[in-house]
Amino acid sequence: MRQAAQGLYSVTDAPRLGPVQQAGVTLSGHPEFTQLVSESKTFQGRHFTGGMDEWTAGVLYPDHLGIAFTERLADVPLFTGGVQQLTARQIPSVRGTASVAGVGDPPLLGDWIRTGQFQPDRLALRFEQVLGGSWRVVVSLKDANNPASGYWVQIERIPGT
């Protein structure tokens, strides 16, 4: 989940998004999905071109949706819902890597986790609001010997909900 720092901008600052679409298939046969911006707009200092620039991308594995990229973590539940609609499958888990920004770059999700600004309960609540059921967010270092490698982020539907 390489991602720009979320929470600093309101939803109205972000460009409108197009529908989730299947973008292809991985070499191992897993379906890939993407969501493009539907309007041209500058967000967090980056210009997005409507219909061309990707906002969120992921791969659907048998047991989880792997998020390859997202501009805003708050949009992942909607992306997940779009993948569920396209595949008629309930997704029990969403996983990705929260990257840490390089020196001089804007903060990424990994930076928010490291500094204690990330609020996993807030993200779980967003999943519950969009997808129903109960969710939990689990975060762990990818490599305890190298914190700059980022964090694993797992968003899990609590079984039976």
N, C-alpha and C. Protein backbone atom coordinates (compact mmCIF):
# COMPACT_ATOMS: atom_id res chain seq x y z
N MET A 1 0.82 -1.17 0.00
CA MET A 1 0.00 0.00 0.00
C MET A 1 0.87 1.23 0.00
N ARG A 2 1.64 1.40 -1.02
CA ARG A 2 2.36 2.65 -1.13
C ARG A 2 1.28 3.71 -1.18
N GLN A 3 1.42 4.72 -0.40
CA GLN A 3 0.30 5.63 -0.32
C GLN A 3 0.71 7.00 0.15
N ALA A 4 0.09 7.99 -0.38
CA ALA A 4 0.29 9.35 0.09
C ALA A 4 -0.33 9.48 1.47
N ALA A 5 0.15 10.43 2.23
CA ALA A 5 -0.40 10.65 3.57
C ALA A 5 -1.87 11.00 3.46
N GLN A 6 -2.70 10.24 4.15
CA GLN A 6 -4.13 10.49 4.10
C GLN A 6 -4.55 11.25 5.33
N GLY A 7 -5.70 11.87 5.27
CA GLY A 7 -6.22 12.56 6.43
C GLY A 7 -5.93 14.05 6.40
N LEU A 8 -4.97 14.50 5.62
CA LEU A 8 -4.65 15.92 5.54
C LEU A 8 -5.58 16.68 4.62
N TYR A 9 -6.26 15.97 3.77
CA TYR A 9 -7.10 16.59 2.76
C TYR A 9 -8.51 16.03 2.86
N SER A 10 -9.48 16.87 2.61
CA SER A 10 -10.86 16.38 2.64
C SER A 10 -11.15 15.60 1.36
N VAL A 11 -12.22 14.83 1.42
CA VAL A 11 -12.63 14.05 0.25
C VAL A 11 -12.87 14.97 -0.95
N THR A 12 -13.35 16.19 -0.69
CA THR A 12 -13.64 17.10 -1.81
C THR A 12 -12.37 17.59 -2.49
N ASP A 13 -11.21 17.47 -1.84
CA ASP A 13 -9.95 17.86 -2.47
C ASP A 13 -9.51 16.82 -3.50
N ALA A 14 -9.90 15.58 -3.30
CA ALA A 14 -9.49 14.50 -4.18
C ALA A 14 -10.31 14.53 -5.47
N PRO A 15 -9.73 14.05 -6.55
CA PRO A 15 -10.51 13.97 -7.80
C PRO A 15 -11.60 12.91 -7.69
N ARG A 16 -12.65 13.10 -8.48
CA ARG A 16 -13.68 12.06 -8.57
C ARG A 16 -13.06 10.83 -9.20
N LEU A 17 -13.60 9.67 -8.83
CA LEU A 17 -13.04 8.41 -9.29
C LEU A 17 -13.99 7.71 -10.23
N GLY A 18 -13.42 7.00 -11.19
CA GLY A 18 -14.21 6.17 -12.09
C GLY A 18 -14.51 4.85 -11.42
N PRO A 19 -15.23 3.98 -12.10
CA PRO A 19 -15.56 2.67 -11.52
C PRO A 19 -14.33 1.77 -11.45
N VAL A 20 -14.37 0.81 -10.56
CA VAL A 20 -13.34 -0.22 -10.49
C VAL A 20 -13.48 -1.08 -11.75
N GLN A 21 -12.35 -1.41 -12.37
CA GLN A 21 -12.36 -2.20 -13.61
C GLN A 21 -11.34 -3.32 -13.52
N GLN A 22 -11.62 -4.43 -14.18
CA GLN A 22 -10.58 -5.45 -14.29
C GLN A 22 -9.58 -4.95 -15.31
N ALA A 23 -8.29 -5.00 -14.92
CA ALA A 23 -7.24 -4.44 -15.75
C ALA A 23 -6.42 -5.50 -16.46
N GLY A 24 -6.68 -6.75 -16.17
CA GLY A 24 -5.90 -7.81 -16.77
C GLY A 24 -5.77 -8.97 -15.81
N VAL A 25 -4.76 -9.77 -16.08
CA VAL A 25 -4.50 -10.96 -15.27
C VAL A 25 -2.99 -11.04 -15.06
N THR A 26 -2.57 -11.41 -13.85
CA THR A 26 -1.14 -11.58 -13.59
C THR A 26 -0.62 -12.80 -14.33
N LEU A 27 0.70 -12.96 -14.38
CA LEU A 27 1.29 -14.13 -15.03
C LEU A 27 0.84 -15.42 -14.35
N SER A 28 0.51 -15.33 -13.07
CA SER A 28 0.06 -16.53 -12.35
C SER A 28 -1.46 -16.73 -12.44
N GLY A 29 -2.13 -15.87 -13.23
CA GLY A 29 -3.55 -16.07 -13.49
C GLY A 29 -4.51 -15.37 -12.55
N HIS A 30 -4.01 -14.50 -11.67
CA HIS A 30 -4.88 -13.78 -10.74
C HIS A 30 -5.37 -12.48 -11.39
N PRO A 31 -6.65 -12.16 -11.23
CA PRO A 31 -7.18 -10.95 -11.85
C PRO A 31 -6.64 -9.67 -11.19
N GLU A 32 -6.33 -8.71 -12.03
CA GLU A 32 -5.85 -7.40 -11.59
C GLU A 32 -6.98 -6.39 -11.76
N PHE A 33 -7.08 -5.44 -10.84
CA PHE A 33 -8.11 -4.42 -10.88
C PHE A 33 -7.49 -3.05 -10.72
N THR A 34 -8.16 -2.06 -11.28
CA THR A 34 -7.70 -0.69 -11.18
C THR A 34 -8.89 0.25 -11.05
N GLN A 35 -8.61 1.42 -10.53
CA GLN A 35 -9.59 2.49 -10.49
C GLN A 35 -8.86 3.76 -10.90
N LEU A 36 -9.35 4.38 -11.96
CA LEU A 36 -8.75 5.60 -12.49
C LEU A 36 -9.49 6.82 -11.97
N VAL A 37 -8.81 7.96 -11.98
CA VAL A 37 -9.51 9.20 -11.67
C VAL A 37 -10.39 9.53 -12.87
N SER A 38 -11.55 10.15 -12.63
CA SER A 38 -12.45 10.47 -13.74
C SER A 38 -12.42 11.95 -14.10
N GLU A 39 -11.66 12.74 -13.34
CA GLU A 39 -11.54 14.15 -13.67
C GLU A 39 -10.08 14.57 -13.51
N SER A 40 -9.67 15.53 -14.29
CA SER A 40 -8.32 16.07 -14.16
C SER A 40 -8.31 17.04 -12.99
N LYS A 41 -7.32 16.84 -12.12
CA LYS A 41 -7.26 17.67 -10.92
C LYS A 41 -5.88 17.53 -10.28
N THR A 42 -5.44 18.56 -9.58
CA THR A 42 -4.21 18.48 -8.81
C THR A 42 -4.57 18.12 -7.38
N PHE A 43 -3.90 17.09 -6.84
CA PHE A 43 -4.13 16.61 -5.48
C PHE A 43 -2.78 16.34 -4.84
N GLN A 44 -2.56 16.92 -3.70
CA GLN A 44 -1.29 16.78 -2.97
C GLN A 44 -0.09 17.10 -3.85
N GLY A 45 -0.22 18.13 -4.65
CA GLY A 45 0.87 18.59 -5.50
C GLY A 45 1.10 17.78 -6.75
N ARG A 46 0.28 16.79 -7.00
CA ARG A 46 0.44 15.95 -8.20
C ARG A 46 -0.76 16.14 -9.10
N HIS A 47 -0.52 16.30 -10.39
CA HIS A 47 -1.62 16.45 -11.35
C HIS A 47 -2.08 15.08 -11.82
N PHE A 48 -3.40 14.86 -11.78
CA PHE A 48 -4.02 13.64 -12.25
C PHE A 48 -4.82 13.96 -13.49
N THR A 49 -4.69 13.13 -14.51
CA THR A 49 -5.43 13.29 -15.75
C THR A 49 -6.59 12.31 -15.76
N GLY A 50 -7.80 12.86 -15.91
CA GLY A 50 -9.00 12.04 -15.91
C GLY A 50 -8.95 10.96 -16.97
N GLY A 51 -9.35 9.74 -16.58
CA GLY A 51 -9.40 8.62 -17.51
C GLY A 51 -8.06 7.98 -17.80
N MET A 52 -6.98 8.54 -17.25
CA MET A 52 -5.65 8.00 -17.54
C MET A 52 -4.88 7.59 -16.29
N ASP A 53 -4.99 8.38 -15.23
CA ASP A 53 -4.16 8.15 -14.05
C ASP A 53 -4.85 7.23 -13.05
N GLU A 54 -4.06 6.30 -12.55
CA GLU A 54 -4.55 5.30 -11.61
C GLU A 54 -4.62 5.89 -10.20
N TRP A 55 -5.67 5.53 -9.48
CA TRP A 55 -5.87 5.97 -8.10
C TRP A 55 -5.61 4.80 -7.13
N THR A 56 -6.14 3.63 -7.48
CA THR A 56 -5.94 2.42 -6.67
C THR A 56 -5.78 1.25 -7.62
N ALA A 57 -4.95 0.28 -7.22
CA ALA A 57 -4.76 -0.93 -8.01
C ALA A 57 -4.57 -2.11 -7.07
N GLY A 58 -4.98 -3.28 -7.52
CA GLY A 58 -4.83 -4.46 -6.68
C GLY A 58 -4.97 -5.75 -7.47
N VAL A 59 -4.62 -6.83 -6.81
CA VAL A 59 -4.70 -8.17 -7.39
C VAL A 59 -5.54 -9.03 -6.46
N LEU A 60 -6.49 -9.78 -7.02
CA LEU A 60 -7.35 -10.64 -6.23
C LEU A 60 -6.77 -12.06 -6.20
N TYR A 61 -6.35 -12.47 -5.01
CA TYR A 61 -5.85 -13.81 -4.77
C TYR A 61 -6.99 -14.64 -4.19
N PRO A 62 -6.84 -15.96 -4.09
CA PRO A 62 -7.93 -16.78 -3.56
C PRO A 62 -8.38 -16.39 -2.15
N ASP A 63 -7.45 -15.92 -1.30
CA ASP A 63 -7.81 -15.63 0.09
C ASP A 63 -7.74 -14.16 0.48
N HIS A 64 -7.35 -13.26 -0.45
CA HIS A 64 -7.29 -11.85 -0.10
C HIS A 64 -7.16 -10.97 -1.35
N LEU A 65 -7.43 -9.70 -1.15
CA LEU A 65 -7.18 -8.68 -2.16
C LEU A 65 -5.88 -8.01 -1.80
N GLY A 66 -4.91 -8.10 -2.67
CA GLY A 66 -3.62 -7.45 -2.45
C GLY A 66 -3.65 -6.07 -3.07
N ILE A 67 -3.44 -5.06 -2.25
CA ILE A 67 -3.43 -3.69 -2.77
C ILE A 67 -2.01 -3.36 -3.22
N ALA A 68 -1.86 -3.06 -4.49
CA ALA A 68 -0.56 -2.75 -5.05
C ALA A 68 -0.25 -1.26 -4.90
N PHE A 69 -1.28 -0.43 -4.91
CA PHE A 69 -1.07 1.01 -4.86
C PHE A 69 -2.38 1.70 -4.51
N THR A 70 -2.30 2.78 -3.73
CA THR A 70 -3.46 3.62 -3.50
C THR A 70 -3.00 5.02 -3.15
N GLU A 71 -3.71 6.00 -3.66
CA GLU A 71 -3.41 7.39 -3.30
C GLU A 71 -3.96 7.74 -1.93
N ARG A 72 -5.12 7.17 -1.56
CA ARG A 72 -5.73 7.46 -0.25
C ARG A 72 -6.26 6.17 0.36
N LEU A 73 -5.78 5.85 1.53
CA LEU A 73 -6.21 4.63 2.20
C LEU A 73 -7.71 4.62 2.45
N ALA A 74 -8.30 5.78 2.67
CA ALA A 74 -9.74 5.88 2.93
C ALA A 74 -10.58 5.40 1.75
N ASP A 75 -9.99 5.32 0.56
CA ASP A 75 -10.73 4.87 -0.63
C ASP A 75 -10.65 3.36 -0.85
N VAL A 76 -9.82 2.66 -0.08
CA VAL A 76 -9.65 1.22 -0.27
C VAL A 76 -10.95 0.44 0.00
N PRO A 77 -11.76 0.80 1.00
CA PRO A 77 -13.02 0.06 1.16
C PRO A 77 -13.94 0.15 -0.06
N LEU A 78 -14.01 1.30 -0.68
CA LEU A 78 -14.83 1.44 -1.89
C LEU A 78 -14.25 0.63 -3.05
N PHE A 79 -12.92 0.63 -3.16
CA PHE A 79 -12.26 -0.17 -4.18
C PHE A 79 -12.56 -1.66 -3.94
N THR A 80 -12.46 -2.08 -2.68
CA THR A 80 -12.75 -3.46 -2.32
C THR A 80 -14.19 -3.82 -2.68
N GLY A 81 -15.11 -2.92 -2.39
CA GLY A 81 -16.51 -3.14 -2.74
C GLY A 81 -16.69 -3.27 -4.25
N GLY A 82 -15.97 -2.47 -5.02
CA GLY A 82 -16.04 -2.55 -6.48
C GLY A 82 -15.54 -3.89 -6.99
N VAL A 83 -14.44 -4.39 -6.39
CA VAL A 83 -13.92 -5.70 -6.78
C VAL A 83 -14.93 -6.78 -6.42
N GLN A 84 -15.55 -6.67 -5.25
CA GLN A 84 -16.58 -7.65 -4.85
C GLN A 84 -17.73 -7.67 -5.84
N GLN A 85 -18.17 -6.49 -6.29
CA GLN A 85 -19.28 -6.42 -7.25
C GLN A 85 -18.89 -7.07 -8.57
N LEU A 86 -17.69 -6.81 -9.04
CA LEU A 86 -17.26 -7.36 -10.33
C LEU A 86 -17.08 -8.87 -10.29
N THR A 87 -16.68 -9.39 -9.14
CA THR A 87 -16.36 -10.82 -9.05
C THR A 87 -17.44 -11.64 -8.37
N ALA A 88 -18.42 -10.98 -7.76
CA ALA A 88 -19.47 -11.66 -6.99
C ALA A 88 -18.87 -12.53 -5.89
N ARG A 89 -17.73 -12.07 -5.33
CA ARG A 89 -17.05 -12.77 -4.23
C ARG A 89 -16.92 -11.83 -3.05
N GLN A 90 -17.17 -12.33 -1.86
CA GLN A 90 -16.91 -11.54 -0.67
C GLN A 90 -15.41 -11.63 -0.36
N ILE A 91 -14.79 -10.49 -0.15
CA ILE A 91 -13.36 -10.45 0.12
C ILE A 91 -13.16 -10.45 1.63
N PRO A 92 -12.47 -11.48 2.16
CA PRO A 92 -12.30 -11.57 3.61
C PRO A 92 -11.09 -10.81 4.16
N SER A 93 -10.19 -10.41 3.28
CA SER A 93 -8.94 -9.82 3.74
C SER A 93 -8.37 -8.91 2.65
N VAL A 94 -7.82 -7.79 3.09
CA VAL A 94 -7.14 -6.86 2.19
C VAL A 94 -5.74 -6.66 2.76
N ARG A 95 -4.72 -6.82 1.93
CA ARG A 95 -3.34 -6.76 2.41
C ARG A 95 -2.49 -5.89 1.50
N GLY A 96 -1.49 -5.28 2.11
CA GLY A 96 -0.55 -4.49 1.35
C GLY A 96 0.62 -4.06 2.20
N THR A 97 1.53 -3.36 1.59
CA THR A 97 2.71 -2.84 2.28
C THR A 97 2.57 -1.33 2.41
N ALA A 98 2.80 -0.83 3.62
CA ALA A 98 2.82 0.61 3.87
C ALA A 98 4.27 1.06 3.77
N SER A 99 4.56 1.83 2.75
CA SER A 99 5.92 2.28 2.52
C SER A 99 6.27 3.46 3.40
N VAL A 100 7.57 3.65 3.60
CA VAL A 100 8.12 4.79 4.32
C VAL A 100 8.71 5.73 3.27
N ALA A 101 8.46 7.03 3.41
CA ALA A 101 8.94 8.01 2.43
C ALA A 101 10.46 8.13 2.47
N GLY A 102 11.01 8.47 1.34
CA GLY A 102 12.43 8.78 1.27
C GLY A 102 12.70 10.16 1.86
N VAL A 103 13.94 10.48 2.09
CA VAL A 103 14.32 11.77 2.65
C VAL A 103 13.83 12.89 1.73
N GLY A 104 13.10 13.83 2.31
CA GLY A 104 12.60 14.98 1.55
C GLY A 104 11.29 14.74 0.83
N ASP A 105 10.81 13.50 0.81
CA ASP A 105 9.54 13.19 0.15
C ASP A 105 8.39 13.40 1.13
N PRO A 106 7.17 13.63 0.61
CA PRO A 106 6.02 13.75 1.50
C PRO A 106 5.80 12.44 2.25
N PRO A 107 5.23 12.51 3.47
CA PRO A 107 5.03 11.28 4.25
C PRO A 107 4.09 10.30 3.57
N LEU A 108 4.36 9.03 3.81
CA LEU A 108 3.54 7.93 3.31
C LEU A 108 2.92 7.22 4.50
N LEU A 109 2.09 6.23 4.24
CA LEU A 109 1.40 5.53 5.32
C LEU A 109 2.37 4.95 6.33
N GLY A 110 3.48 4.40 5.89
CA GLY A 110 4.47 3.84 6.82
C GLY A 110 4.98 4.88 7.80
N ASP A 111 5.11 6.12 7.35
CA ASP A 111 5.54 7.20 8.24
C ASP A 111 4.46 7.47 9.29
N TRP A 112 3.21 7.44 8.88
CA TRP A 112 2.11 7.65 9.81
C TRP A 112 2.07 6.54 10.85
N ILE A 113 2.33 5.32 10.44
CA ILE A 113 2.37 4.19 11.38
C ILE A 113 3.52 4.38 12.36
N ARG A 114 4.70 4.67 11.83
CA ARG A 114 5.90 4.81 12.66
C ARG A 114 5.75 5.93 13.70
N THR A 115 5.08 7.02 13.34
CA THR A 115 4.95 8.16 14.26
C THR A 115 3.70 8.10 15.12
N GLY A 116 2.90 7.03 14.98
CA GLY A 116 1.72 6.87 15.80
C GLY A 116 0.51 7.69 15.35
N GLN A 117 0.56 8.24 14.14
CA GLN A 117 -0.56 9.04 13.63
C GLN A 117 -1.62 8.20 12.93
N PHE A 118 -1.26 6.99 12.52
CA PHE A 118 -2.21 6.11 11.85
C PHE A 118 -3.21 5.60 12.87
N GLN A 119 -4.48 5.60 12.49
CA GLN A 119 -5.56 5.18 13.38
C GLN A 119 -6.24 3.93 12.81
N PRO A 120 -5.75 2.74 13.18
CA PRO A 120 -6.31 1.51 12.60
C PRO A 120 -7.80 1.33 12.90
N ASP A 121 -8.26 1.76 14.06
CA ASP A 121 -9.68 1.61 14.39
C ASP A 121 -10.55 2.45 13.46
N ARG A 122 -10.05 3.59 13.07
CA ARG A 122 -10.79 4.45 12.14
C ARG A 122 -10.91 3.79 10.76
N LEU A 123 -9.83 3.14 10.31
CA LEU A 123 -9.87 2.43 9.04
C LEU A 123 -10.82 1.23 9.13
N ALA A 124 -10.78 0.49 10.23
CA ALA A 124 -11.69 -0.65 10.40
C ALA A 124 -13.14 -0.18 10.36
N LEU A 125 -13.43 0.95 11.00
CA LEU A 125 -14.78 1.49 10.99
C LEU A 125 -15.20 1.85 9.56
N ARG A 126 -14.30 2.41 8.77
CA ARG A 126 -14.60 2.76 7.37
C ARG A 126 -14.96 1.49 6.59
N PHE A 127 -14.22 0.41 6.81
CA PHE A 127 -14.54 -0.85 6.14
C PHE A 127 -15.92 -1.34 6.57
N GLU A 128 -16.22 -1.24 7.85
CA GLU A 128 -17.52 -1.67 8.36
C GLU A 128 -18.65 -0.86 7.73
N GLN A 129 -18.44 0.46 7.60
CA GLN A 129 -19.47 1.33 7.03
C GLN A 129 -19.72 1.01 5.56
N VAL A 130 -18.67 0.72 4.82
CA VAL A 130 -18.80 0.50 3.38
C VAL A 130 -19.19 -0.94 3.06
N LEU A 131 -18.59 -1.91 3.74
CA LEU A 131 -18.75 -3.31 3.37
C LEU A 131 -19.58 -4.13 4.36
N GLY A 132 -19.93 -3.55 5.50
CA GLY A 132 -20.66 -4.30 6.51
C GLY A 132 -19.75 -5.24 7.27
N GLY A 133 -20.31 -5.90 8.26
CA GLY A 133 -19.52 -6.81 9.08
C GLY A 133 -18.60 -6.05 10.01
N SER A 134 -17.75 -6.80 10.68
CA SER A 134 -16.75 -6.23 11.58
C SER A 134 -15.37 -6.50 11.01
N TRP A 135 -14.48 -5.54 11.12
CA TRP A 135 -13.14 -5.64 10.56
C TRP A 135 -12.11 -5.26 11.61
N ARG A 136 -10.89 -5.78 11.45
CA ARG A 136 -9.77 -5.38 12.30
C ARG A 136 -8.57 -5.11 11.40
N VAL A 137 -7.72 -4.23 11.86
CA VAL A 137 -6.52 -3.86 11.12
C VAL A 137 -5.31 -4.29 11.93
N VAL A 138 -4.42 -5.05 11.31
CA VAL A 138 -3.20 -5.53 11.95
C VAL A 138 -2.02 -4.96 11.18
N VAL A 139 -1.10 -4.33 11.93
CA VAL A 139 0.08 -3.71 11.32
C VAL A 139 1.33 -4.32 11.97
N SER A 140 2.31 -4.66 11.16
CA SER A 140 3.57 -5.18 11.69
C SER A 140 4.72 -4.76 10.78
N LEU A 141 5.91 -4.63 11.36
CA LEU A 141 7.10 -4.30 10.58
C LEU A 141 7.39 -5.42 9.58
N LYS A 142 7.77 -5.05 8.39
CA LYS A 142 8.17 -6.06 7.41
C LYS A 142 9.48 -6.73 7.84
N ASP A 143 10.41 -5.92 8.36
CA ASP A 143 11.72 -6.42 8.76
C ASP A 143 12.16 -5.64 9.99
N ALA A 144 12.17 -6.30 11.15
CA ALA A 144 12.52 -5.63 12.41
C ALA A 144 13.93 -5.05 12.38
N ASN A 145 14.81 -5.61 11.56
CA ASN A 145 16.17 -5.10 11.46
C ASN A 145 16.30 -3.92 10.51
N ASN A 146 15.22 -3.65 9.75
CA ASN A 146 15.26 -2.57 8.77
C ASN A 146 13.91 -1.87 8.73
N PRO A 147 13.61 -0.98 9.70
CA PRO A 147 12.31 -0.31 9.73
C PRO A 147 11.99 0.48 8.45
N ALA A 148 12.99 0.88 7.70
CA ALA A 148 12.76 1.63 6.47
C ALA A 148 12.11 0.76 5.39
N SER A 149 12.04 -0.56 5.61
CA SER A 149 11.43 -1.44 4.61
C SER A 149 9.90 -1.36 4.64
N GLY A 150 9.35 -0.68 5.66
CA GLY A 150 7.91 -0.47 5.70
C GLY A 150 7.21 -1.46 6.61
N TYR A 151 5.89 -1.50 6.46
CA TYR A 151 5.03 -2.28 7.34
C TYR A 151 4.07 -3.12 6.53
N TRP A 152 3.75 -4.30 7.06
CA TRP A 152 2.66 -5.09 6.51
C TRP A 152 1.36 -4.54 7.09
N VAL A 153 0.35 -4.38 6.27
CA VAL A 153 -0.96 -3.95 6.74
C VAL A 153 -1.96 -5.00 6.28
N GLN A 154 -2.70 -5.56 7.24
CA GLN A 154 -3.74 -6.55 6.94
C GLN A 154 -5.05 -6.05 7.51
N ILE A 155 -6.05 -5.99 6.67
CA ILE A 155 -7.38 -5.57 7.06
C ILE A 155 -8.26 -6.82 6.91
N GLU A 156 -8.70 -7.35 8.03
CA GLU A 156 -9.36 -8.65 8.05
C GLU A 156 -10.81 -8.53 8.48
N ARG A 157 -11.70 -9.18 7.73
CA ARG A 157 -13.09 -9.30 8.18
C ARG A 157 -13.11 -10.32 9.32
N ILE A 158 -13.73 -9.96 10.43
CA ILE A 158 -13.85 -10.87 11.55
C ILE A 158 -14.83 -11.97 11.15
N PRO A 159 -14.40 -13.24 11.22
CA PRO A 159 -15.26 -14.34 10.77
C PRO A 159 -16.64 -14.29 11.43
N GLY A 160 -17.65 -14.62 10.63
CA GLY A 160 -19.01 -14.65 11.11
C GLY A 160 -19.72 -13.32 11.06
N THR A 161 -19.05 -12.28 10.53
CA THR A 161 -19.71 -10.96 10.45
C THR A 161 -19.91 -10.54 9.02
